[in-house]
Amino acid sequence: AEFPAQVGAADWAPDGKSIAVLGQTGEQRF
């Protein structure tokens, strides 16, 4: 996939049908 910002991690769902992706949102949170 092409996410708008950097991705830090990705891992499979236990059933192997989807992947969770952790990435930046671009929102200022702090």
PDB file of all heavy atoms in Angstrom:
ATOM      1  N   ALA A   1       0.861  -1.187   0.000  1.00  0.00           N
ATOM      2  CA  ALA A   1       0.000   0.000   0.000  1.00  0.00           C
ATOM      3  C   ALA A   1       0.891   1.229   0.000  1.00  0.00           C
ATOM      4  O   ALA A   1       2.077   1.150   0.298  1.00  0.00           O
ATOM      5  CB  ALA A   1      -0.903   0.006   1.231  1.00  0.00           C
ATOM      6  N   GLU A   2       0.299   2.374  -0.320  1.00  0.00           N
ATOM      7  CA  GLU A   2       1.016   3.644  -0.282  1.00  0.00           C
ATOM      8  C   GLU A   2       0.331   4.522   0.758  1.00  0.00           C
ATOM      9  O   GLU A   2      -0.789   4.985   0.548  1.00  0.00           O
ATOM     10  CB  GLU A   2       0.979   4.330  -1.645  1.00  0.00           C
ATOM     11  CG  GLU A   2       1.645   5.684  -1.683  1.00  0.00           C
ATOM     12  CD  GLU A   2       3.155   5.606  -1.577  1.00  0.00           C
ATOM     13  OE1 GLU A   2       3.753   4.646  -2.088  1.00  0.00           O
ATOM     14  OE2 GLU A   2       3.748   6.519  -0.980  1.00  0.00           O
ATOM     15  N   PHE A   3       0.985   4.701   1.894  1.00  0.00           N
ATOM     16  CA  PHE A   3       0.459   5.551   2.949  1.00  0.00           C
ATOM     17  C   PHE A   3       1.062   6.943   2.795  1.00  0.00           C
ATOM     18  O   PHE A   3       2.189   7.082   2.308  1.00  0.00           O
ATOM     19  CB  PHE A   3       0.794   4.954   4.321  1.00  0.00           C
ATOM     20  CG  PHE A   3       0.022   3.698   4.615  1.00  0.00           C
ATOM     21  CD1 PHE A   3       0.523   2.455   4.260  1.00  0.00           C
ATOM     22  CD2 PHE A   3      -1.222   3.755   5.229  1.00  0.00           C
ATOM     23  CE1 PHE A   3      -0.180   1.293   4.510  1.00  0.00           C
ATOM     24  CE2 PHE A   3      -1.939   2.601   5.486  1.00  0.00           C
ATOM     25  CZ  PHE A   3      -1.419   1.367   5.125  1.00  0.00           C
ATOM     26  N   PRO A   4       0.339   7.979   3.227  1.00  0.00           N
ATOM     27  CA  PRO A   4       0.841   9.342   3.021  1.00  0.00           C
ATOM     28  C   PRO A   4       2.109   9.670   3.810  1.00  0.00           C
ATOM     29  O   PRO A   4       2.875  10.534   3.422  1.00  0.00           O
ATOM     30  CB  PRO A   4      -0.310  10.240   3.465  1.00  0.00           C
ATOM     31  CG  PRO A   4      -1.262   9.374   4.195  1.00  0.00           C
ATOM     32  CD  PRO A   4      -0.997   7.964   3.805  1.00  0.00           C
ATOM     33  N   ALA A   5       2.338   8.961   4.902  1.00  0.00           N
ATOM     34  CA  ALA A   5       3.513   9.235   5.736  1.00  0.00           C
ATOM     35  C   ALA A   5       4.288   7.937   5.955  1.00  0.00           C
ATOM     36  O   ALA A   5       3.915   6.872   5.450  1.00  0.00           O
ATOM     37  CB  ALA A   5       3.074   9.843   7.066  1.00  0.00           C
ATOM     38  N   GLN A   6       5.350   8.024   6.720  1.00  0.00           N
ATOM     39  CA  GLN A   6       6.194   6.865   7.018  1.00  0.00           C
ATOM     40  C   GLN A   6       5.417   5.797   7.788  1.00  0.00           C
ATOM     41  O   GLN A   6       4.580   6.105   8.618  1.00  0.00           O
ATOM     42  CB  GLN A   6       7.385   7.289   7.886  1.00  0.00           C
ATOM     43  CG  GLN A   6       8.254   8.360   7.286  1.00  0.00           C
ATOM     44  CD  GLN A   6       9.290   7.815   6.332  1.00  0.00           C
ATOM     45  OE1 GLN A   6       9.416   6.624   6.107  1.00  0.00           O
ATOM     46  NE2 GLN A   6      10.050   8.714   5.744  1.00  0.00           N
ATOM     47  N   VAL A   7       5.721   4.549   7.507  1.00  0.00           N
ATOM     48  CA  VAL A   7       5.167   3.409   8.235  1.00  0.00           C
ATOM     49  C   VAL A   7       6.269   2.844   9.120  1.00  0.00           C
ATOM     50  O   VAL A   7       7.414   2.724   8.689  1.00  0.00           O
ATOM     51  CB  VAL A   7       4.646   2.340   7.246  1.00  0.00           C
ATOM     52  CG1 VAL A   7       4.336   1.040   7.947  1.00  0.00           C
ATOM     53  CG2 VAL A   7       3.424   2.868   6.514  1.00  0.00           C
ATOM     54  N   GLY A   8       5.917   2.505  10.361  1.00  0.00           N
ATOM     55  CA  GLY A   8       6.911   2.010  11.301  1.00  0.00           C
ATOM     56  C   GLY A   8       6.892   0.509  11.502  1.00  0.00           C
ATOM     57  O   GLY A   8       7.905  -0.089  11.849  1.00  0.00           O
ATOM     58  N   ALA A   9       5.737  -0.121  11.279  1.00  0.00           N
ATOM     59  CA  ALA A   9       5.628  -1.566  11.513  1.00  0.00           C
ATOM     60  C   ALA A   9       4.414  -2.111  10.778  1.00  0.00           C
ATOM     61  O   ALA A   9       3.472  -1.381  10.477  1.00  0.00           O
ATOM     62  CB  ALA A   9       5.509  -1.863  13.006  1.00  0.00           C
ATOM     63  N   ALA A  10       4.459  -3.415  10.501  1.00  0.00           N
ATOM     64  CA  ALA A  10       3.329  -4.122   9.892  1.00  0.00           C
ATOM     65  C   ALA A  10       3.377  -5.554  10.391  1.00  0.00           C
ATOM     66  O   ALA A  10       4.460  -6.118  10.563  1.00  0.00           O
ATOM     67  CB  ALA A  10       3.409  -4.074   8.371  1.00  0.00           C
ATOM     68  N   ASP A  11       2.213  -6.143  10.626  1.00  0.00           N
ATOM     69  CA  ASP A  11       2.162  -7.533  11.078  1.00  0.00           C
ATOM     70  C   ASP A  11       0.855  -8.161  10.625  1.00  0.00           C
ATOM     71  O   ASP A  11      -0.139  -7.485  10.416  1.00  0.00           O
ATOM     72  CB  ASP A  11       2.299  -7.619  12.595  1.00  0.00           C
ATOM     73  CG  ASP A  11       2.885  -8.944  13.058  1.00  0.00           C
ATOM     74  OD1 ASP A  11       2.945  -9.892  12.248  1.00  0.00           O
ATOM     75  OD2 ASP A  11       3.275  -9.031  14.228  1.00  0.00           O
ATOM     76  N   TRP A  12       0.886  -9.474  10.480  1.00  0.00           N
ATOM     77  CA  TRP A  12      -0.241 -10.249   9.986  1.00  0.00           C
ATOM     78  C   TRP A  12      -1.295 -10.474  11.065  1.00  0.00           C
ATOM     79  O   TRP A  12      -0.962 -10.671  12.232  1.00  0.00           O
ATOM     80  CB  TRP A  12       0.234 -11.618   9.514  1.00  0.00           C
ATOM     81  CG  TRP A  12       1.183 -11.563   8.370  1.00  0.00           C
ATOM     82  CD1 TRP A  12       2.532 -11.423   8.437  1.00  0.00           C
ATOM     83  CD2 TRP A  12       0.852 -11.631   6.987  1.00  0.00           C
ATOM     84  NE1 TRP A  12       3.067 -11.396   7.176  1.00  0.00           N
ATOM     85  CE2 TRP A  12       2.062 -11.535   6.264  1.00  0.00           C
ATOM     86  CE3 TRP A  12      -0.346 -11.775   6.291  1.00  0.00           C
ATOM     87  CZ2 TRP A  12       2.102 -11.567   4.881  1.00  0.00           C
ATOM     88  CZ3 TRP A  12      -0.303 -11.807   4.901  1.00  0.00           C
ATOM     89  CH2 TRP A  12       0.897 -11.706   4.211  1.00  0.00           C
ATOM     90  N   ALA A  13      -2.565 -10.513  10.663  1.00  0.00           N
ATOM     91  CA  ALA A  13      -3.639 -10.993  11.534  1.00  0.00           C
ATOM     92  C   ALA A  13      -3.448 -12.503  11.673  1.00  0.00           C
ATOM     93  O   ALA A  13      -2.881 -13.145  10.780  1.00  0.00           O
ATOM     94  CB  ALA A  13      -4.997 -10.682  10.917  1.00  0.00           C
ATOM     95  N   PRO A  14      -3.887 -13.089  12.777  1.00  0.00           N
ATOM     96  CA  PRO A  14      -3.690 -14.530  12.968  1.00  0.00           C
ATOM     97  C   PRO A  14      -4.241 -15.406  11.837  1.00  0.00           C
ATOM     98  O   PRO A  14      -3.681 -16.462  11.551  1.00  0.00           O
ATOM     99  CB  PRO A  14      -4.418 -14.808  14.284  1.00  0.00           C
ATOM    100  CG  PRO A  14      -4.344 -13.513  15.022  1.00  0.00           C
ATOM    101  CD  PRO A  14      -4.469 -12.460  13.951  1.00  0.00           C
ATOM    102  N   ASP A  15      -5.307 -14.961  11.163  1.00  0.00           N
ATOM    103  CA  ASP A  15      -5.864 -15.765  10.072  1.00  0.00           C
ATOM    104  C   ASP A  15      -5.147 -15.547   8.741  1.00  0.00           C
ATOM    105  O   ASP A  15      -5.440 -16.215   7.745  1.00  0.00           O
ATOM    106  CB  ASP A  15      -7.364 -15.505   9.918  1.00  0.00           C
ATOM    107  CG  ASP A  15      -7.710 -14.090   9.483  1.00  0.00           C
ATOM    108  OD1 ASP A  15      -6.793 -13.278   9.207  1.00  0.00           O
ATOM    109  OD2 ASP A  15      -8.915 -13.778   9.428  1.00  0.00           O
ATOM    110  N   GLY A  16      -4.217 -14.596   8.686  1.00  0.00           N
ATOM    111  CA  GLY A  16      -3.441 -14.332   7.476  1.00  0.00           C
ATOM    112  C   GLY A  16      -4.200 -13.591   6.395  1.00  0.00           C
ATOM    113  O   GLY A  16      -3.686 -13.404   5.296  1.00  0.00           O
ATOM    114  N   LYS A  17      -5.408 -13.125   6.687  1.00  0.00           N
ATOM    115  CA  LYS A  17      -6.222 -12.450   5.665  1.00  0.00           C
ATOM    116  C   LYS A  17      -6.058 -10.938   5.644  1.00  0.00           C
ATOM    117  O   LYS A  17      -6.509 -10.289   4.711  1.00  0.00           O
ATOM    118  CB  LYS A  17      -7.698 -12.810   5.868  1.00  0.00           C
ATOM    119  CG  LYS A  17      -7.972 -14.277   5.617  1.00  0.00           C
ATOM    120  CD  LYS A  17      -9.426 -14.598   5.796  1.00  0.00           C
ATOM    121  CE  LYS A  17      -9.664 -16.085   5.556  1.00  0.00           C
ATOM    122  NZ  LYS A  17     -11.055 -16.450   5.775  1.00  0.00           N
ATOM    123  N   SER A  18      -5.431 -10.390   6.676  1.00  0.00           N
ATOM    124  CA  SER A  18      -5.215  -8.947   6.704  1.00  0.00           C
ATOM    125  C   SER A  18      -3.913  -8.636   7.434  1.00  0.00           C
ATOM    126  O   SER A  18      -3.339  -9.491   8.111  1.00  0.00           O
ATOM    127  CB  SER A  18      -6.400  -8.228   7.362  1.00  0.00           C
ATOM    128  OG  SER A  18      -6.618  -8.716   8.667  1.00  0.00           O
ATOM    129  N   ILE A  19      -3.481  -7.400   7.264  1.00  0.00           N
ATOM    130  CA  ILE A  19      -2.239  -6.939   7.862  1.00  0.00           C
ATOM    131  C   ILE A  19      -2.513  -5.624   8.582  1.00  0.00           C
ATOM    132  O   ILE A  19      -3.128  -4.715   8.002  1.00  0.00           O
ATOM    133  CB  ILE A  19      -1.148  -6.748   6.785  1.00  0.00           C
ATOM    134  CG1 ILE A  19      -0.811  -8.097   6.148  1.00  0.00           C
ATOM    135  CG2 ILE A  19       0.099  -6.094   7.372  1.00  0.00           C
ATOM    136  CD1 ILE A  19       0.128  -8.012   4.967  1.00  0.00           C
ATOM    137  N   ALA A  20      -2.058  -5.520   9.816  1.00  0.00           N
ATOM    138  CA  ALA A  20      -2.159  -4.266  10.562  1.00  0.00           C
ATOM    139  C   ALA A  20      -0.887  -3.467  10.295  1.00  0.00           C
ATOM    140  O   ALA A  20       0.216  -4.022  10.287  1.00  0.00           O
ATOM    141  CB  ALA A  20      -2.308  -4.545  12.052  1.00  0.00           C
ATOM    142  N   VAL A  21      -1.055  -2.163  10.081  1.00  0.00           N
ATOM    143  CA  VAL A  21       0.063  -1.292   9.769  1.00  0.00           C
ATOM    144  C   VAL A  21       0.074  -0.130  10.762  1.00  0.00           C
ATOM    145  O   VAL A  21      -0.966   0.464  11.027  1.00  0.00           O
ATOM    146  CB  VAL A  21      -0.034  -0.756   8.320  1.00  0.00           C
ATOM    147  CG1 VAL A  21       1.084   0.208   8.006  1.00  0.00           C
ATOM    148  CG2 VAL A  21      -0.040  -1.914   7.333  1.00  0.00           C
ATOM    149  N   LEU A  22       1.241   0.184  11.281  1.00  0.00           N
ATOM    150  CA  LEU A  22       1.418   1.294  12.208  1.00  0.00           C
ATOM    151  C   LEU A  22       2.196   2.378  11.495  1.00  0.00           C
ATOM    152  O   LEU A  22       3.297   2.131  10.995  1.00  0.00           O
ATOM    153  CB  LEU A  22       2.193   0.820  13.443  1.00  0.00           C
ATOM    154  CG  LEU A  22       2.509   1.858  14.507  1.00  0.00           C
ATOM    155  CD1 LEU A  22       1.220   2.365  15.151  1.00  0.00           C
ATOM    156  CD2 LEU A  22       3.421   1.252  15.556  1.00  0.00           C
ATOM    157  N   GLY A  23       1.601   3.569  11.411  1.00  0.00           N
ATOM    158  CA  GLY A  23       2.273   4.640  10.701  1.00  0.00           C
ATOM    159  C   GLY A  23       1.896   6.000  11.227  1.00  0.00           C
ATOM    160  O   GLY A  23       0.991   6.141  12.054  1.00  0.00           O
ATOM    161  N   GLN A  24       2.573   7.001  10.750  1.00  0.00           N
ATOM    162  CA  GLN A  24       2.316   8.378  11.150  1.00  0.00           C
ATOM    163  C   GLN A  24       1.027   8.879  10.517  1.00  0.00           C
ATOM    164  O   GLN A  24       0.683   8.511   9.399  1.00  0.00           O
ATOM    165  CB  GLN A  24       3.469   9.268  10.707  1.00  0.00           C
ATOM    166  CG  GLN A  24       4.794   8.887  11.303  1.00  0.00           C
ATOM    167  CD  GLN A  24       5.950   9.664  10.674  1.00  0.00           C
ATOM    168  OE1 GLN A  24       5.788  10.356   9.680  1.00  0.00           O
ATOM    169  NE2 GLN A  24       7.122   9.514  11.253  1.00  0.00           N
ATOM    170  N   THR A  25       0.322   9.741  11.253  1.00  0.00           N
ATOM    171  CA  THR A  25      -0.917  10.310  10.724  1.00  0.00           C
ATOM    172  C   THR A  25      -0.717  11.714  10.178  1.00  0.00           C
ATOM    173  O   THR A  25      -1.540  12.202   9.417  1.00  0.00           O
ATOM    174  CB  THR A  25      -1.996  10.386  11.821  1.00  0.00           C
ATOM    175  OG1 THR A  25      -1.550  11.292  12.844  1.00  0.00           O
ATOM    176  CG2 THR A  25      -2.289   9.017  12.397  1.00  0.00           C
ATOM    177  N   GLY A  26       0.343  12.380  10.608  1.00  0.00           N
ATOM    178  CA  GLY A  26       0.554  13.761  10.195  1.00  0.00           C
ATOM    179  C   GLY A  26      -0.099  14.750  11.147  1.00  0.00           C
ATOM    180  O   GLY A  26       0.125  15.948  11.057  1.00  0.00           O
ATOM    181  N   GLU A  27      -0.930  14.270  12.072  1.00  0.00           N
ATOM    182  CA  GLU A  27      -1.581  15.154  13.043  1.00  0.00           C
ATOM    183  C   GLU A  27      -0.629  15.468  14.182  1.00  0.00           C
ATOM    184  O   GLU A  27       0.106  14.600  14.634  1.00  0.00           O
ATOM    185  CB  GLU A  27      -2.825  14.480  13.630  1.00  0.00           C
ATOM    186  CG  GLU A  27      -3.924  14.259  12.636  1.00  0.00           C
ATOM    187  CD  GLU A  27      -5.129  13.594  13.280  1.00  0.00           C
ATOM    188  OE1 GLU A  27      -5.365  13.830  14.481  1.00  0.00           O
ATOM    189  OE2 GLU A  27      -5.812  12.846  12.584  1.00  0.00           O
ATOM    190  N   GLN A  28      -0.667  16.722  14.645  1.00  0.00           N
ATOM    191  CA  GLN A  28       0.121  17.099  15.808  1.00  0.00           C
ATOM    192  C   GLN A  28      -0.656  16.685  17.056  1.00  0.00           C
ATOM    193  O   GLN A  28      -1.747  17.174  17.310  1.00  0.00           O
ATOM    194  CB  GLN A  28       0.376  18.592  15.841  1.00  0.00           C
ATOM    195  CG  GLN A  28       1.412  19.035  14.859  1.00  0.00           C
ATOM    196  CD  GLN A  28       1.804  20.482  15.101  1.00  0.00           C
ATOM    197  OE1 GLN A  28       1.119  21.225  15.783  1.00  0.00           O
ATOM    198  NE2 GLN A  28       2.910  20.874  14.521  1.00  0.00           N
ATOM    199  N   ARG A  29      -0.088  15.801  17.823  1.00  0.00           N
ATOM    200  CA  ARG A  29      -0.767  15.324  19.023  1.00  0.00           C
ATOM    201  C   ARG A  29      -0.191  15.948  20.279  1.00  0.00           C
ATOM    202  O   ARG A  29      -0.848  15.998  21.290  1.00  0.00           O
ATOM    203  CB  ARG A  29      -0.668  13.825  19.093  1.00  0.00           C
ATOM    204  CG  ARG A  29      -1.305  13.228  17.851  1.00  0.00           C
ATOM    205  CD  ARG A  29      -1.918  11.967  18.106  1.00  0.00           C
ATOM    206  NE  ARG A  29      -2.669  11.666  16.892  1.00  0.00           N
ATOM    207  CZ  ARG A  29      -3.151  10.520  16.611  1.00  0.00           C
ATOM    208  NH1 ARG A  29      -2.987   9.565  17.430  1.00  0.00           N
ATOM    209  NH2 ARG A  29      -3.817  10.334  15.520  1.00  0.00           N
ATOM    210  N   PHE A  30       1.049  16.361  20.210  1.00  0.00           N
ATOM    211  CA  PHE A  30       1.705  16.966  21.357  1.00  0.00           C
ATOM    212  C   PHE A  30       2.320  18.292  20.893  1.00  0.00           C
ATOM    213  O   PHE A  30       2.898  18.357  19.816  1.00  0.00           O
ATOM    214  CB  PHE A  30       2.819  16.074  21.902  1.00  0.00           C
ATOM    215  CG  PHE A  30       2.329  14.713  22.305  1.00  0.00           C
ATOM    216  CD1 PHE A  30       2.488  13.617  21.466  1.00  0.00           C
ATOM    217  CD2 PHE A  30       1.685  14.528  23.516  1.00  0.00           C
ATOM    218  CE1 PHE A  30       2.033  12.375  21.836  1.00  0.00           C
ATOM    219  CE2 PHE A  30       1.219  13.281  23.894  1.00  0.00           C
ATOM    220  CZ  PHE A  30       1.391  12.201  23.061  1.00  0.00           C
TER     221      PHE A  30
END
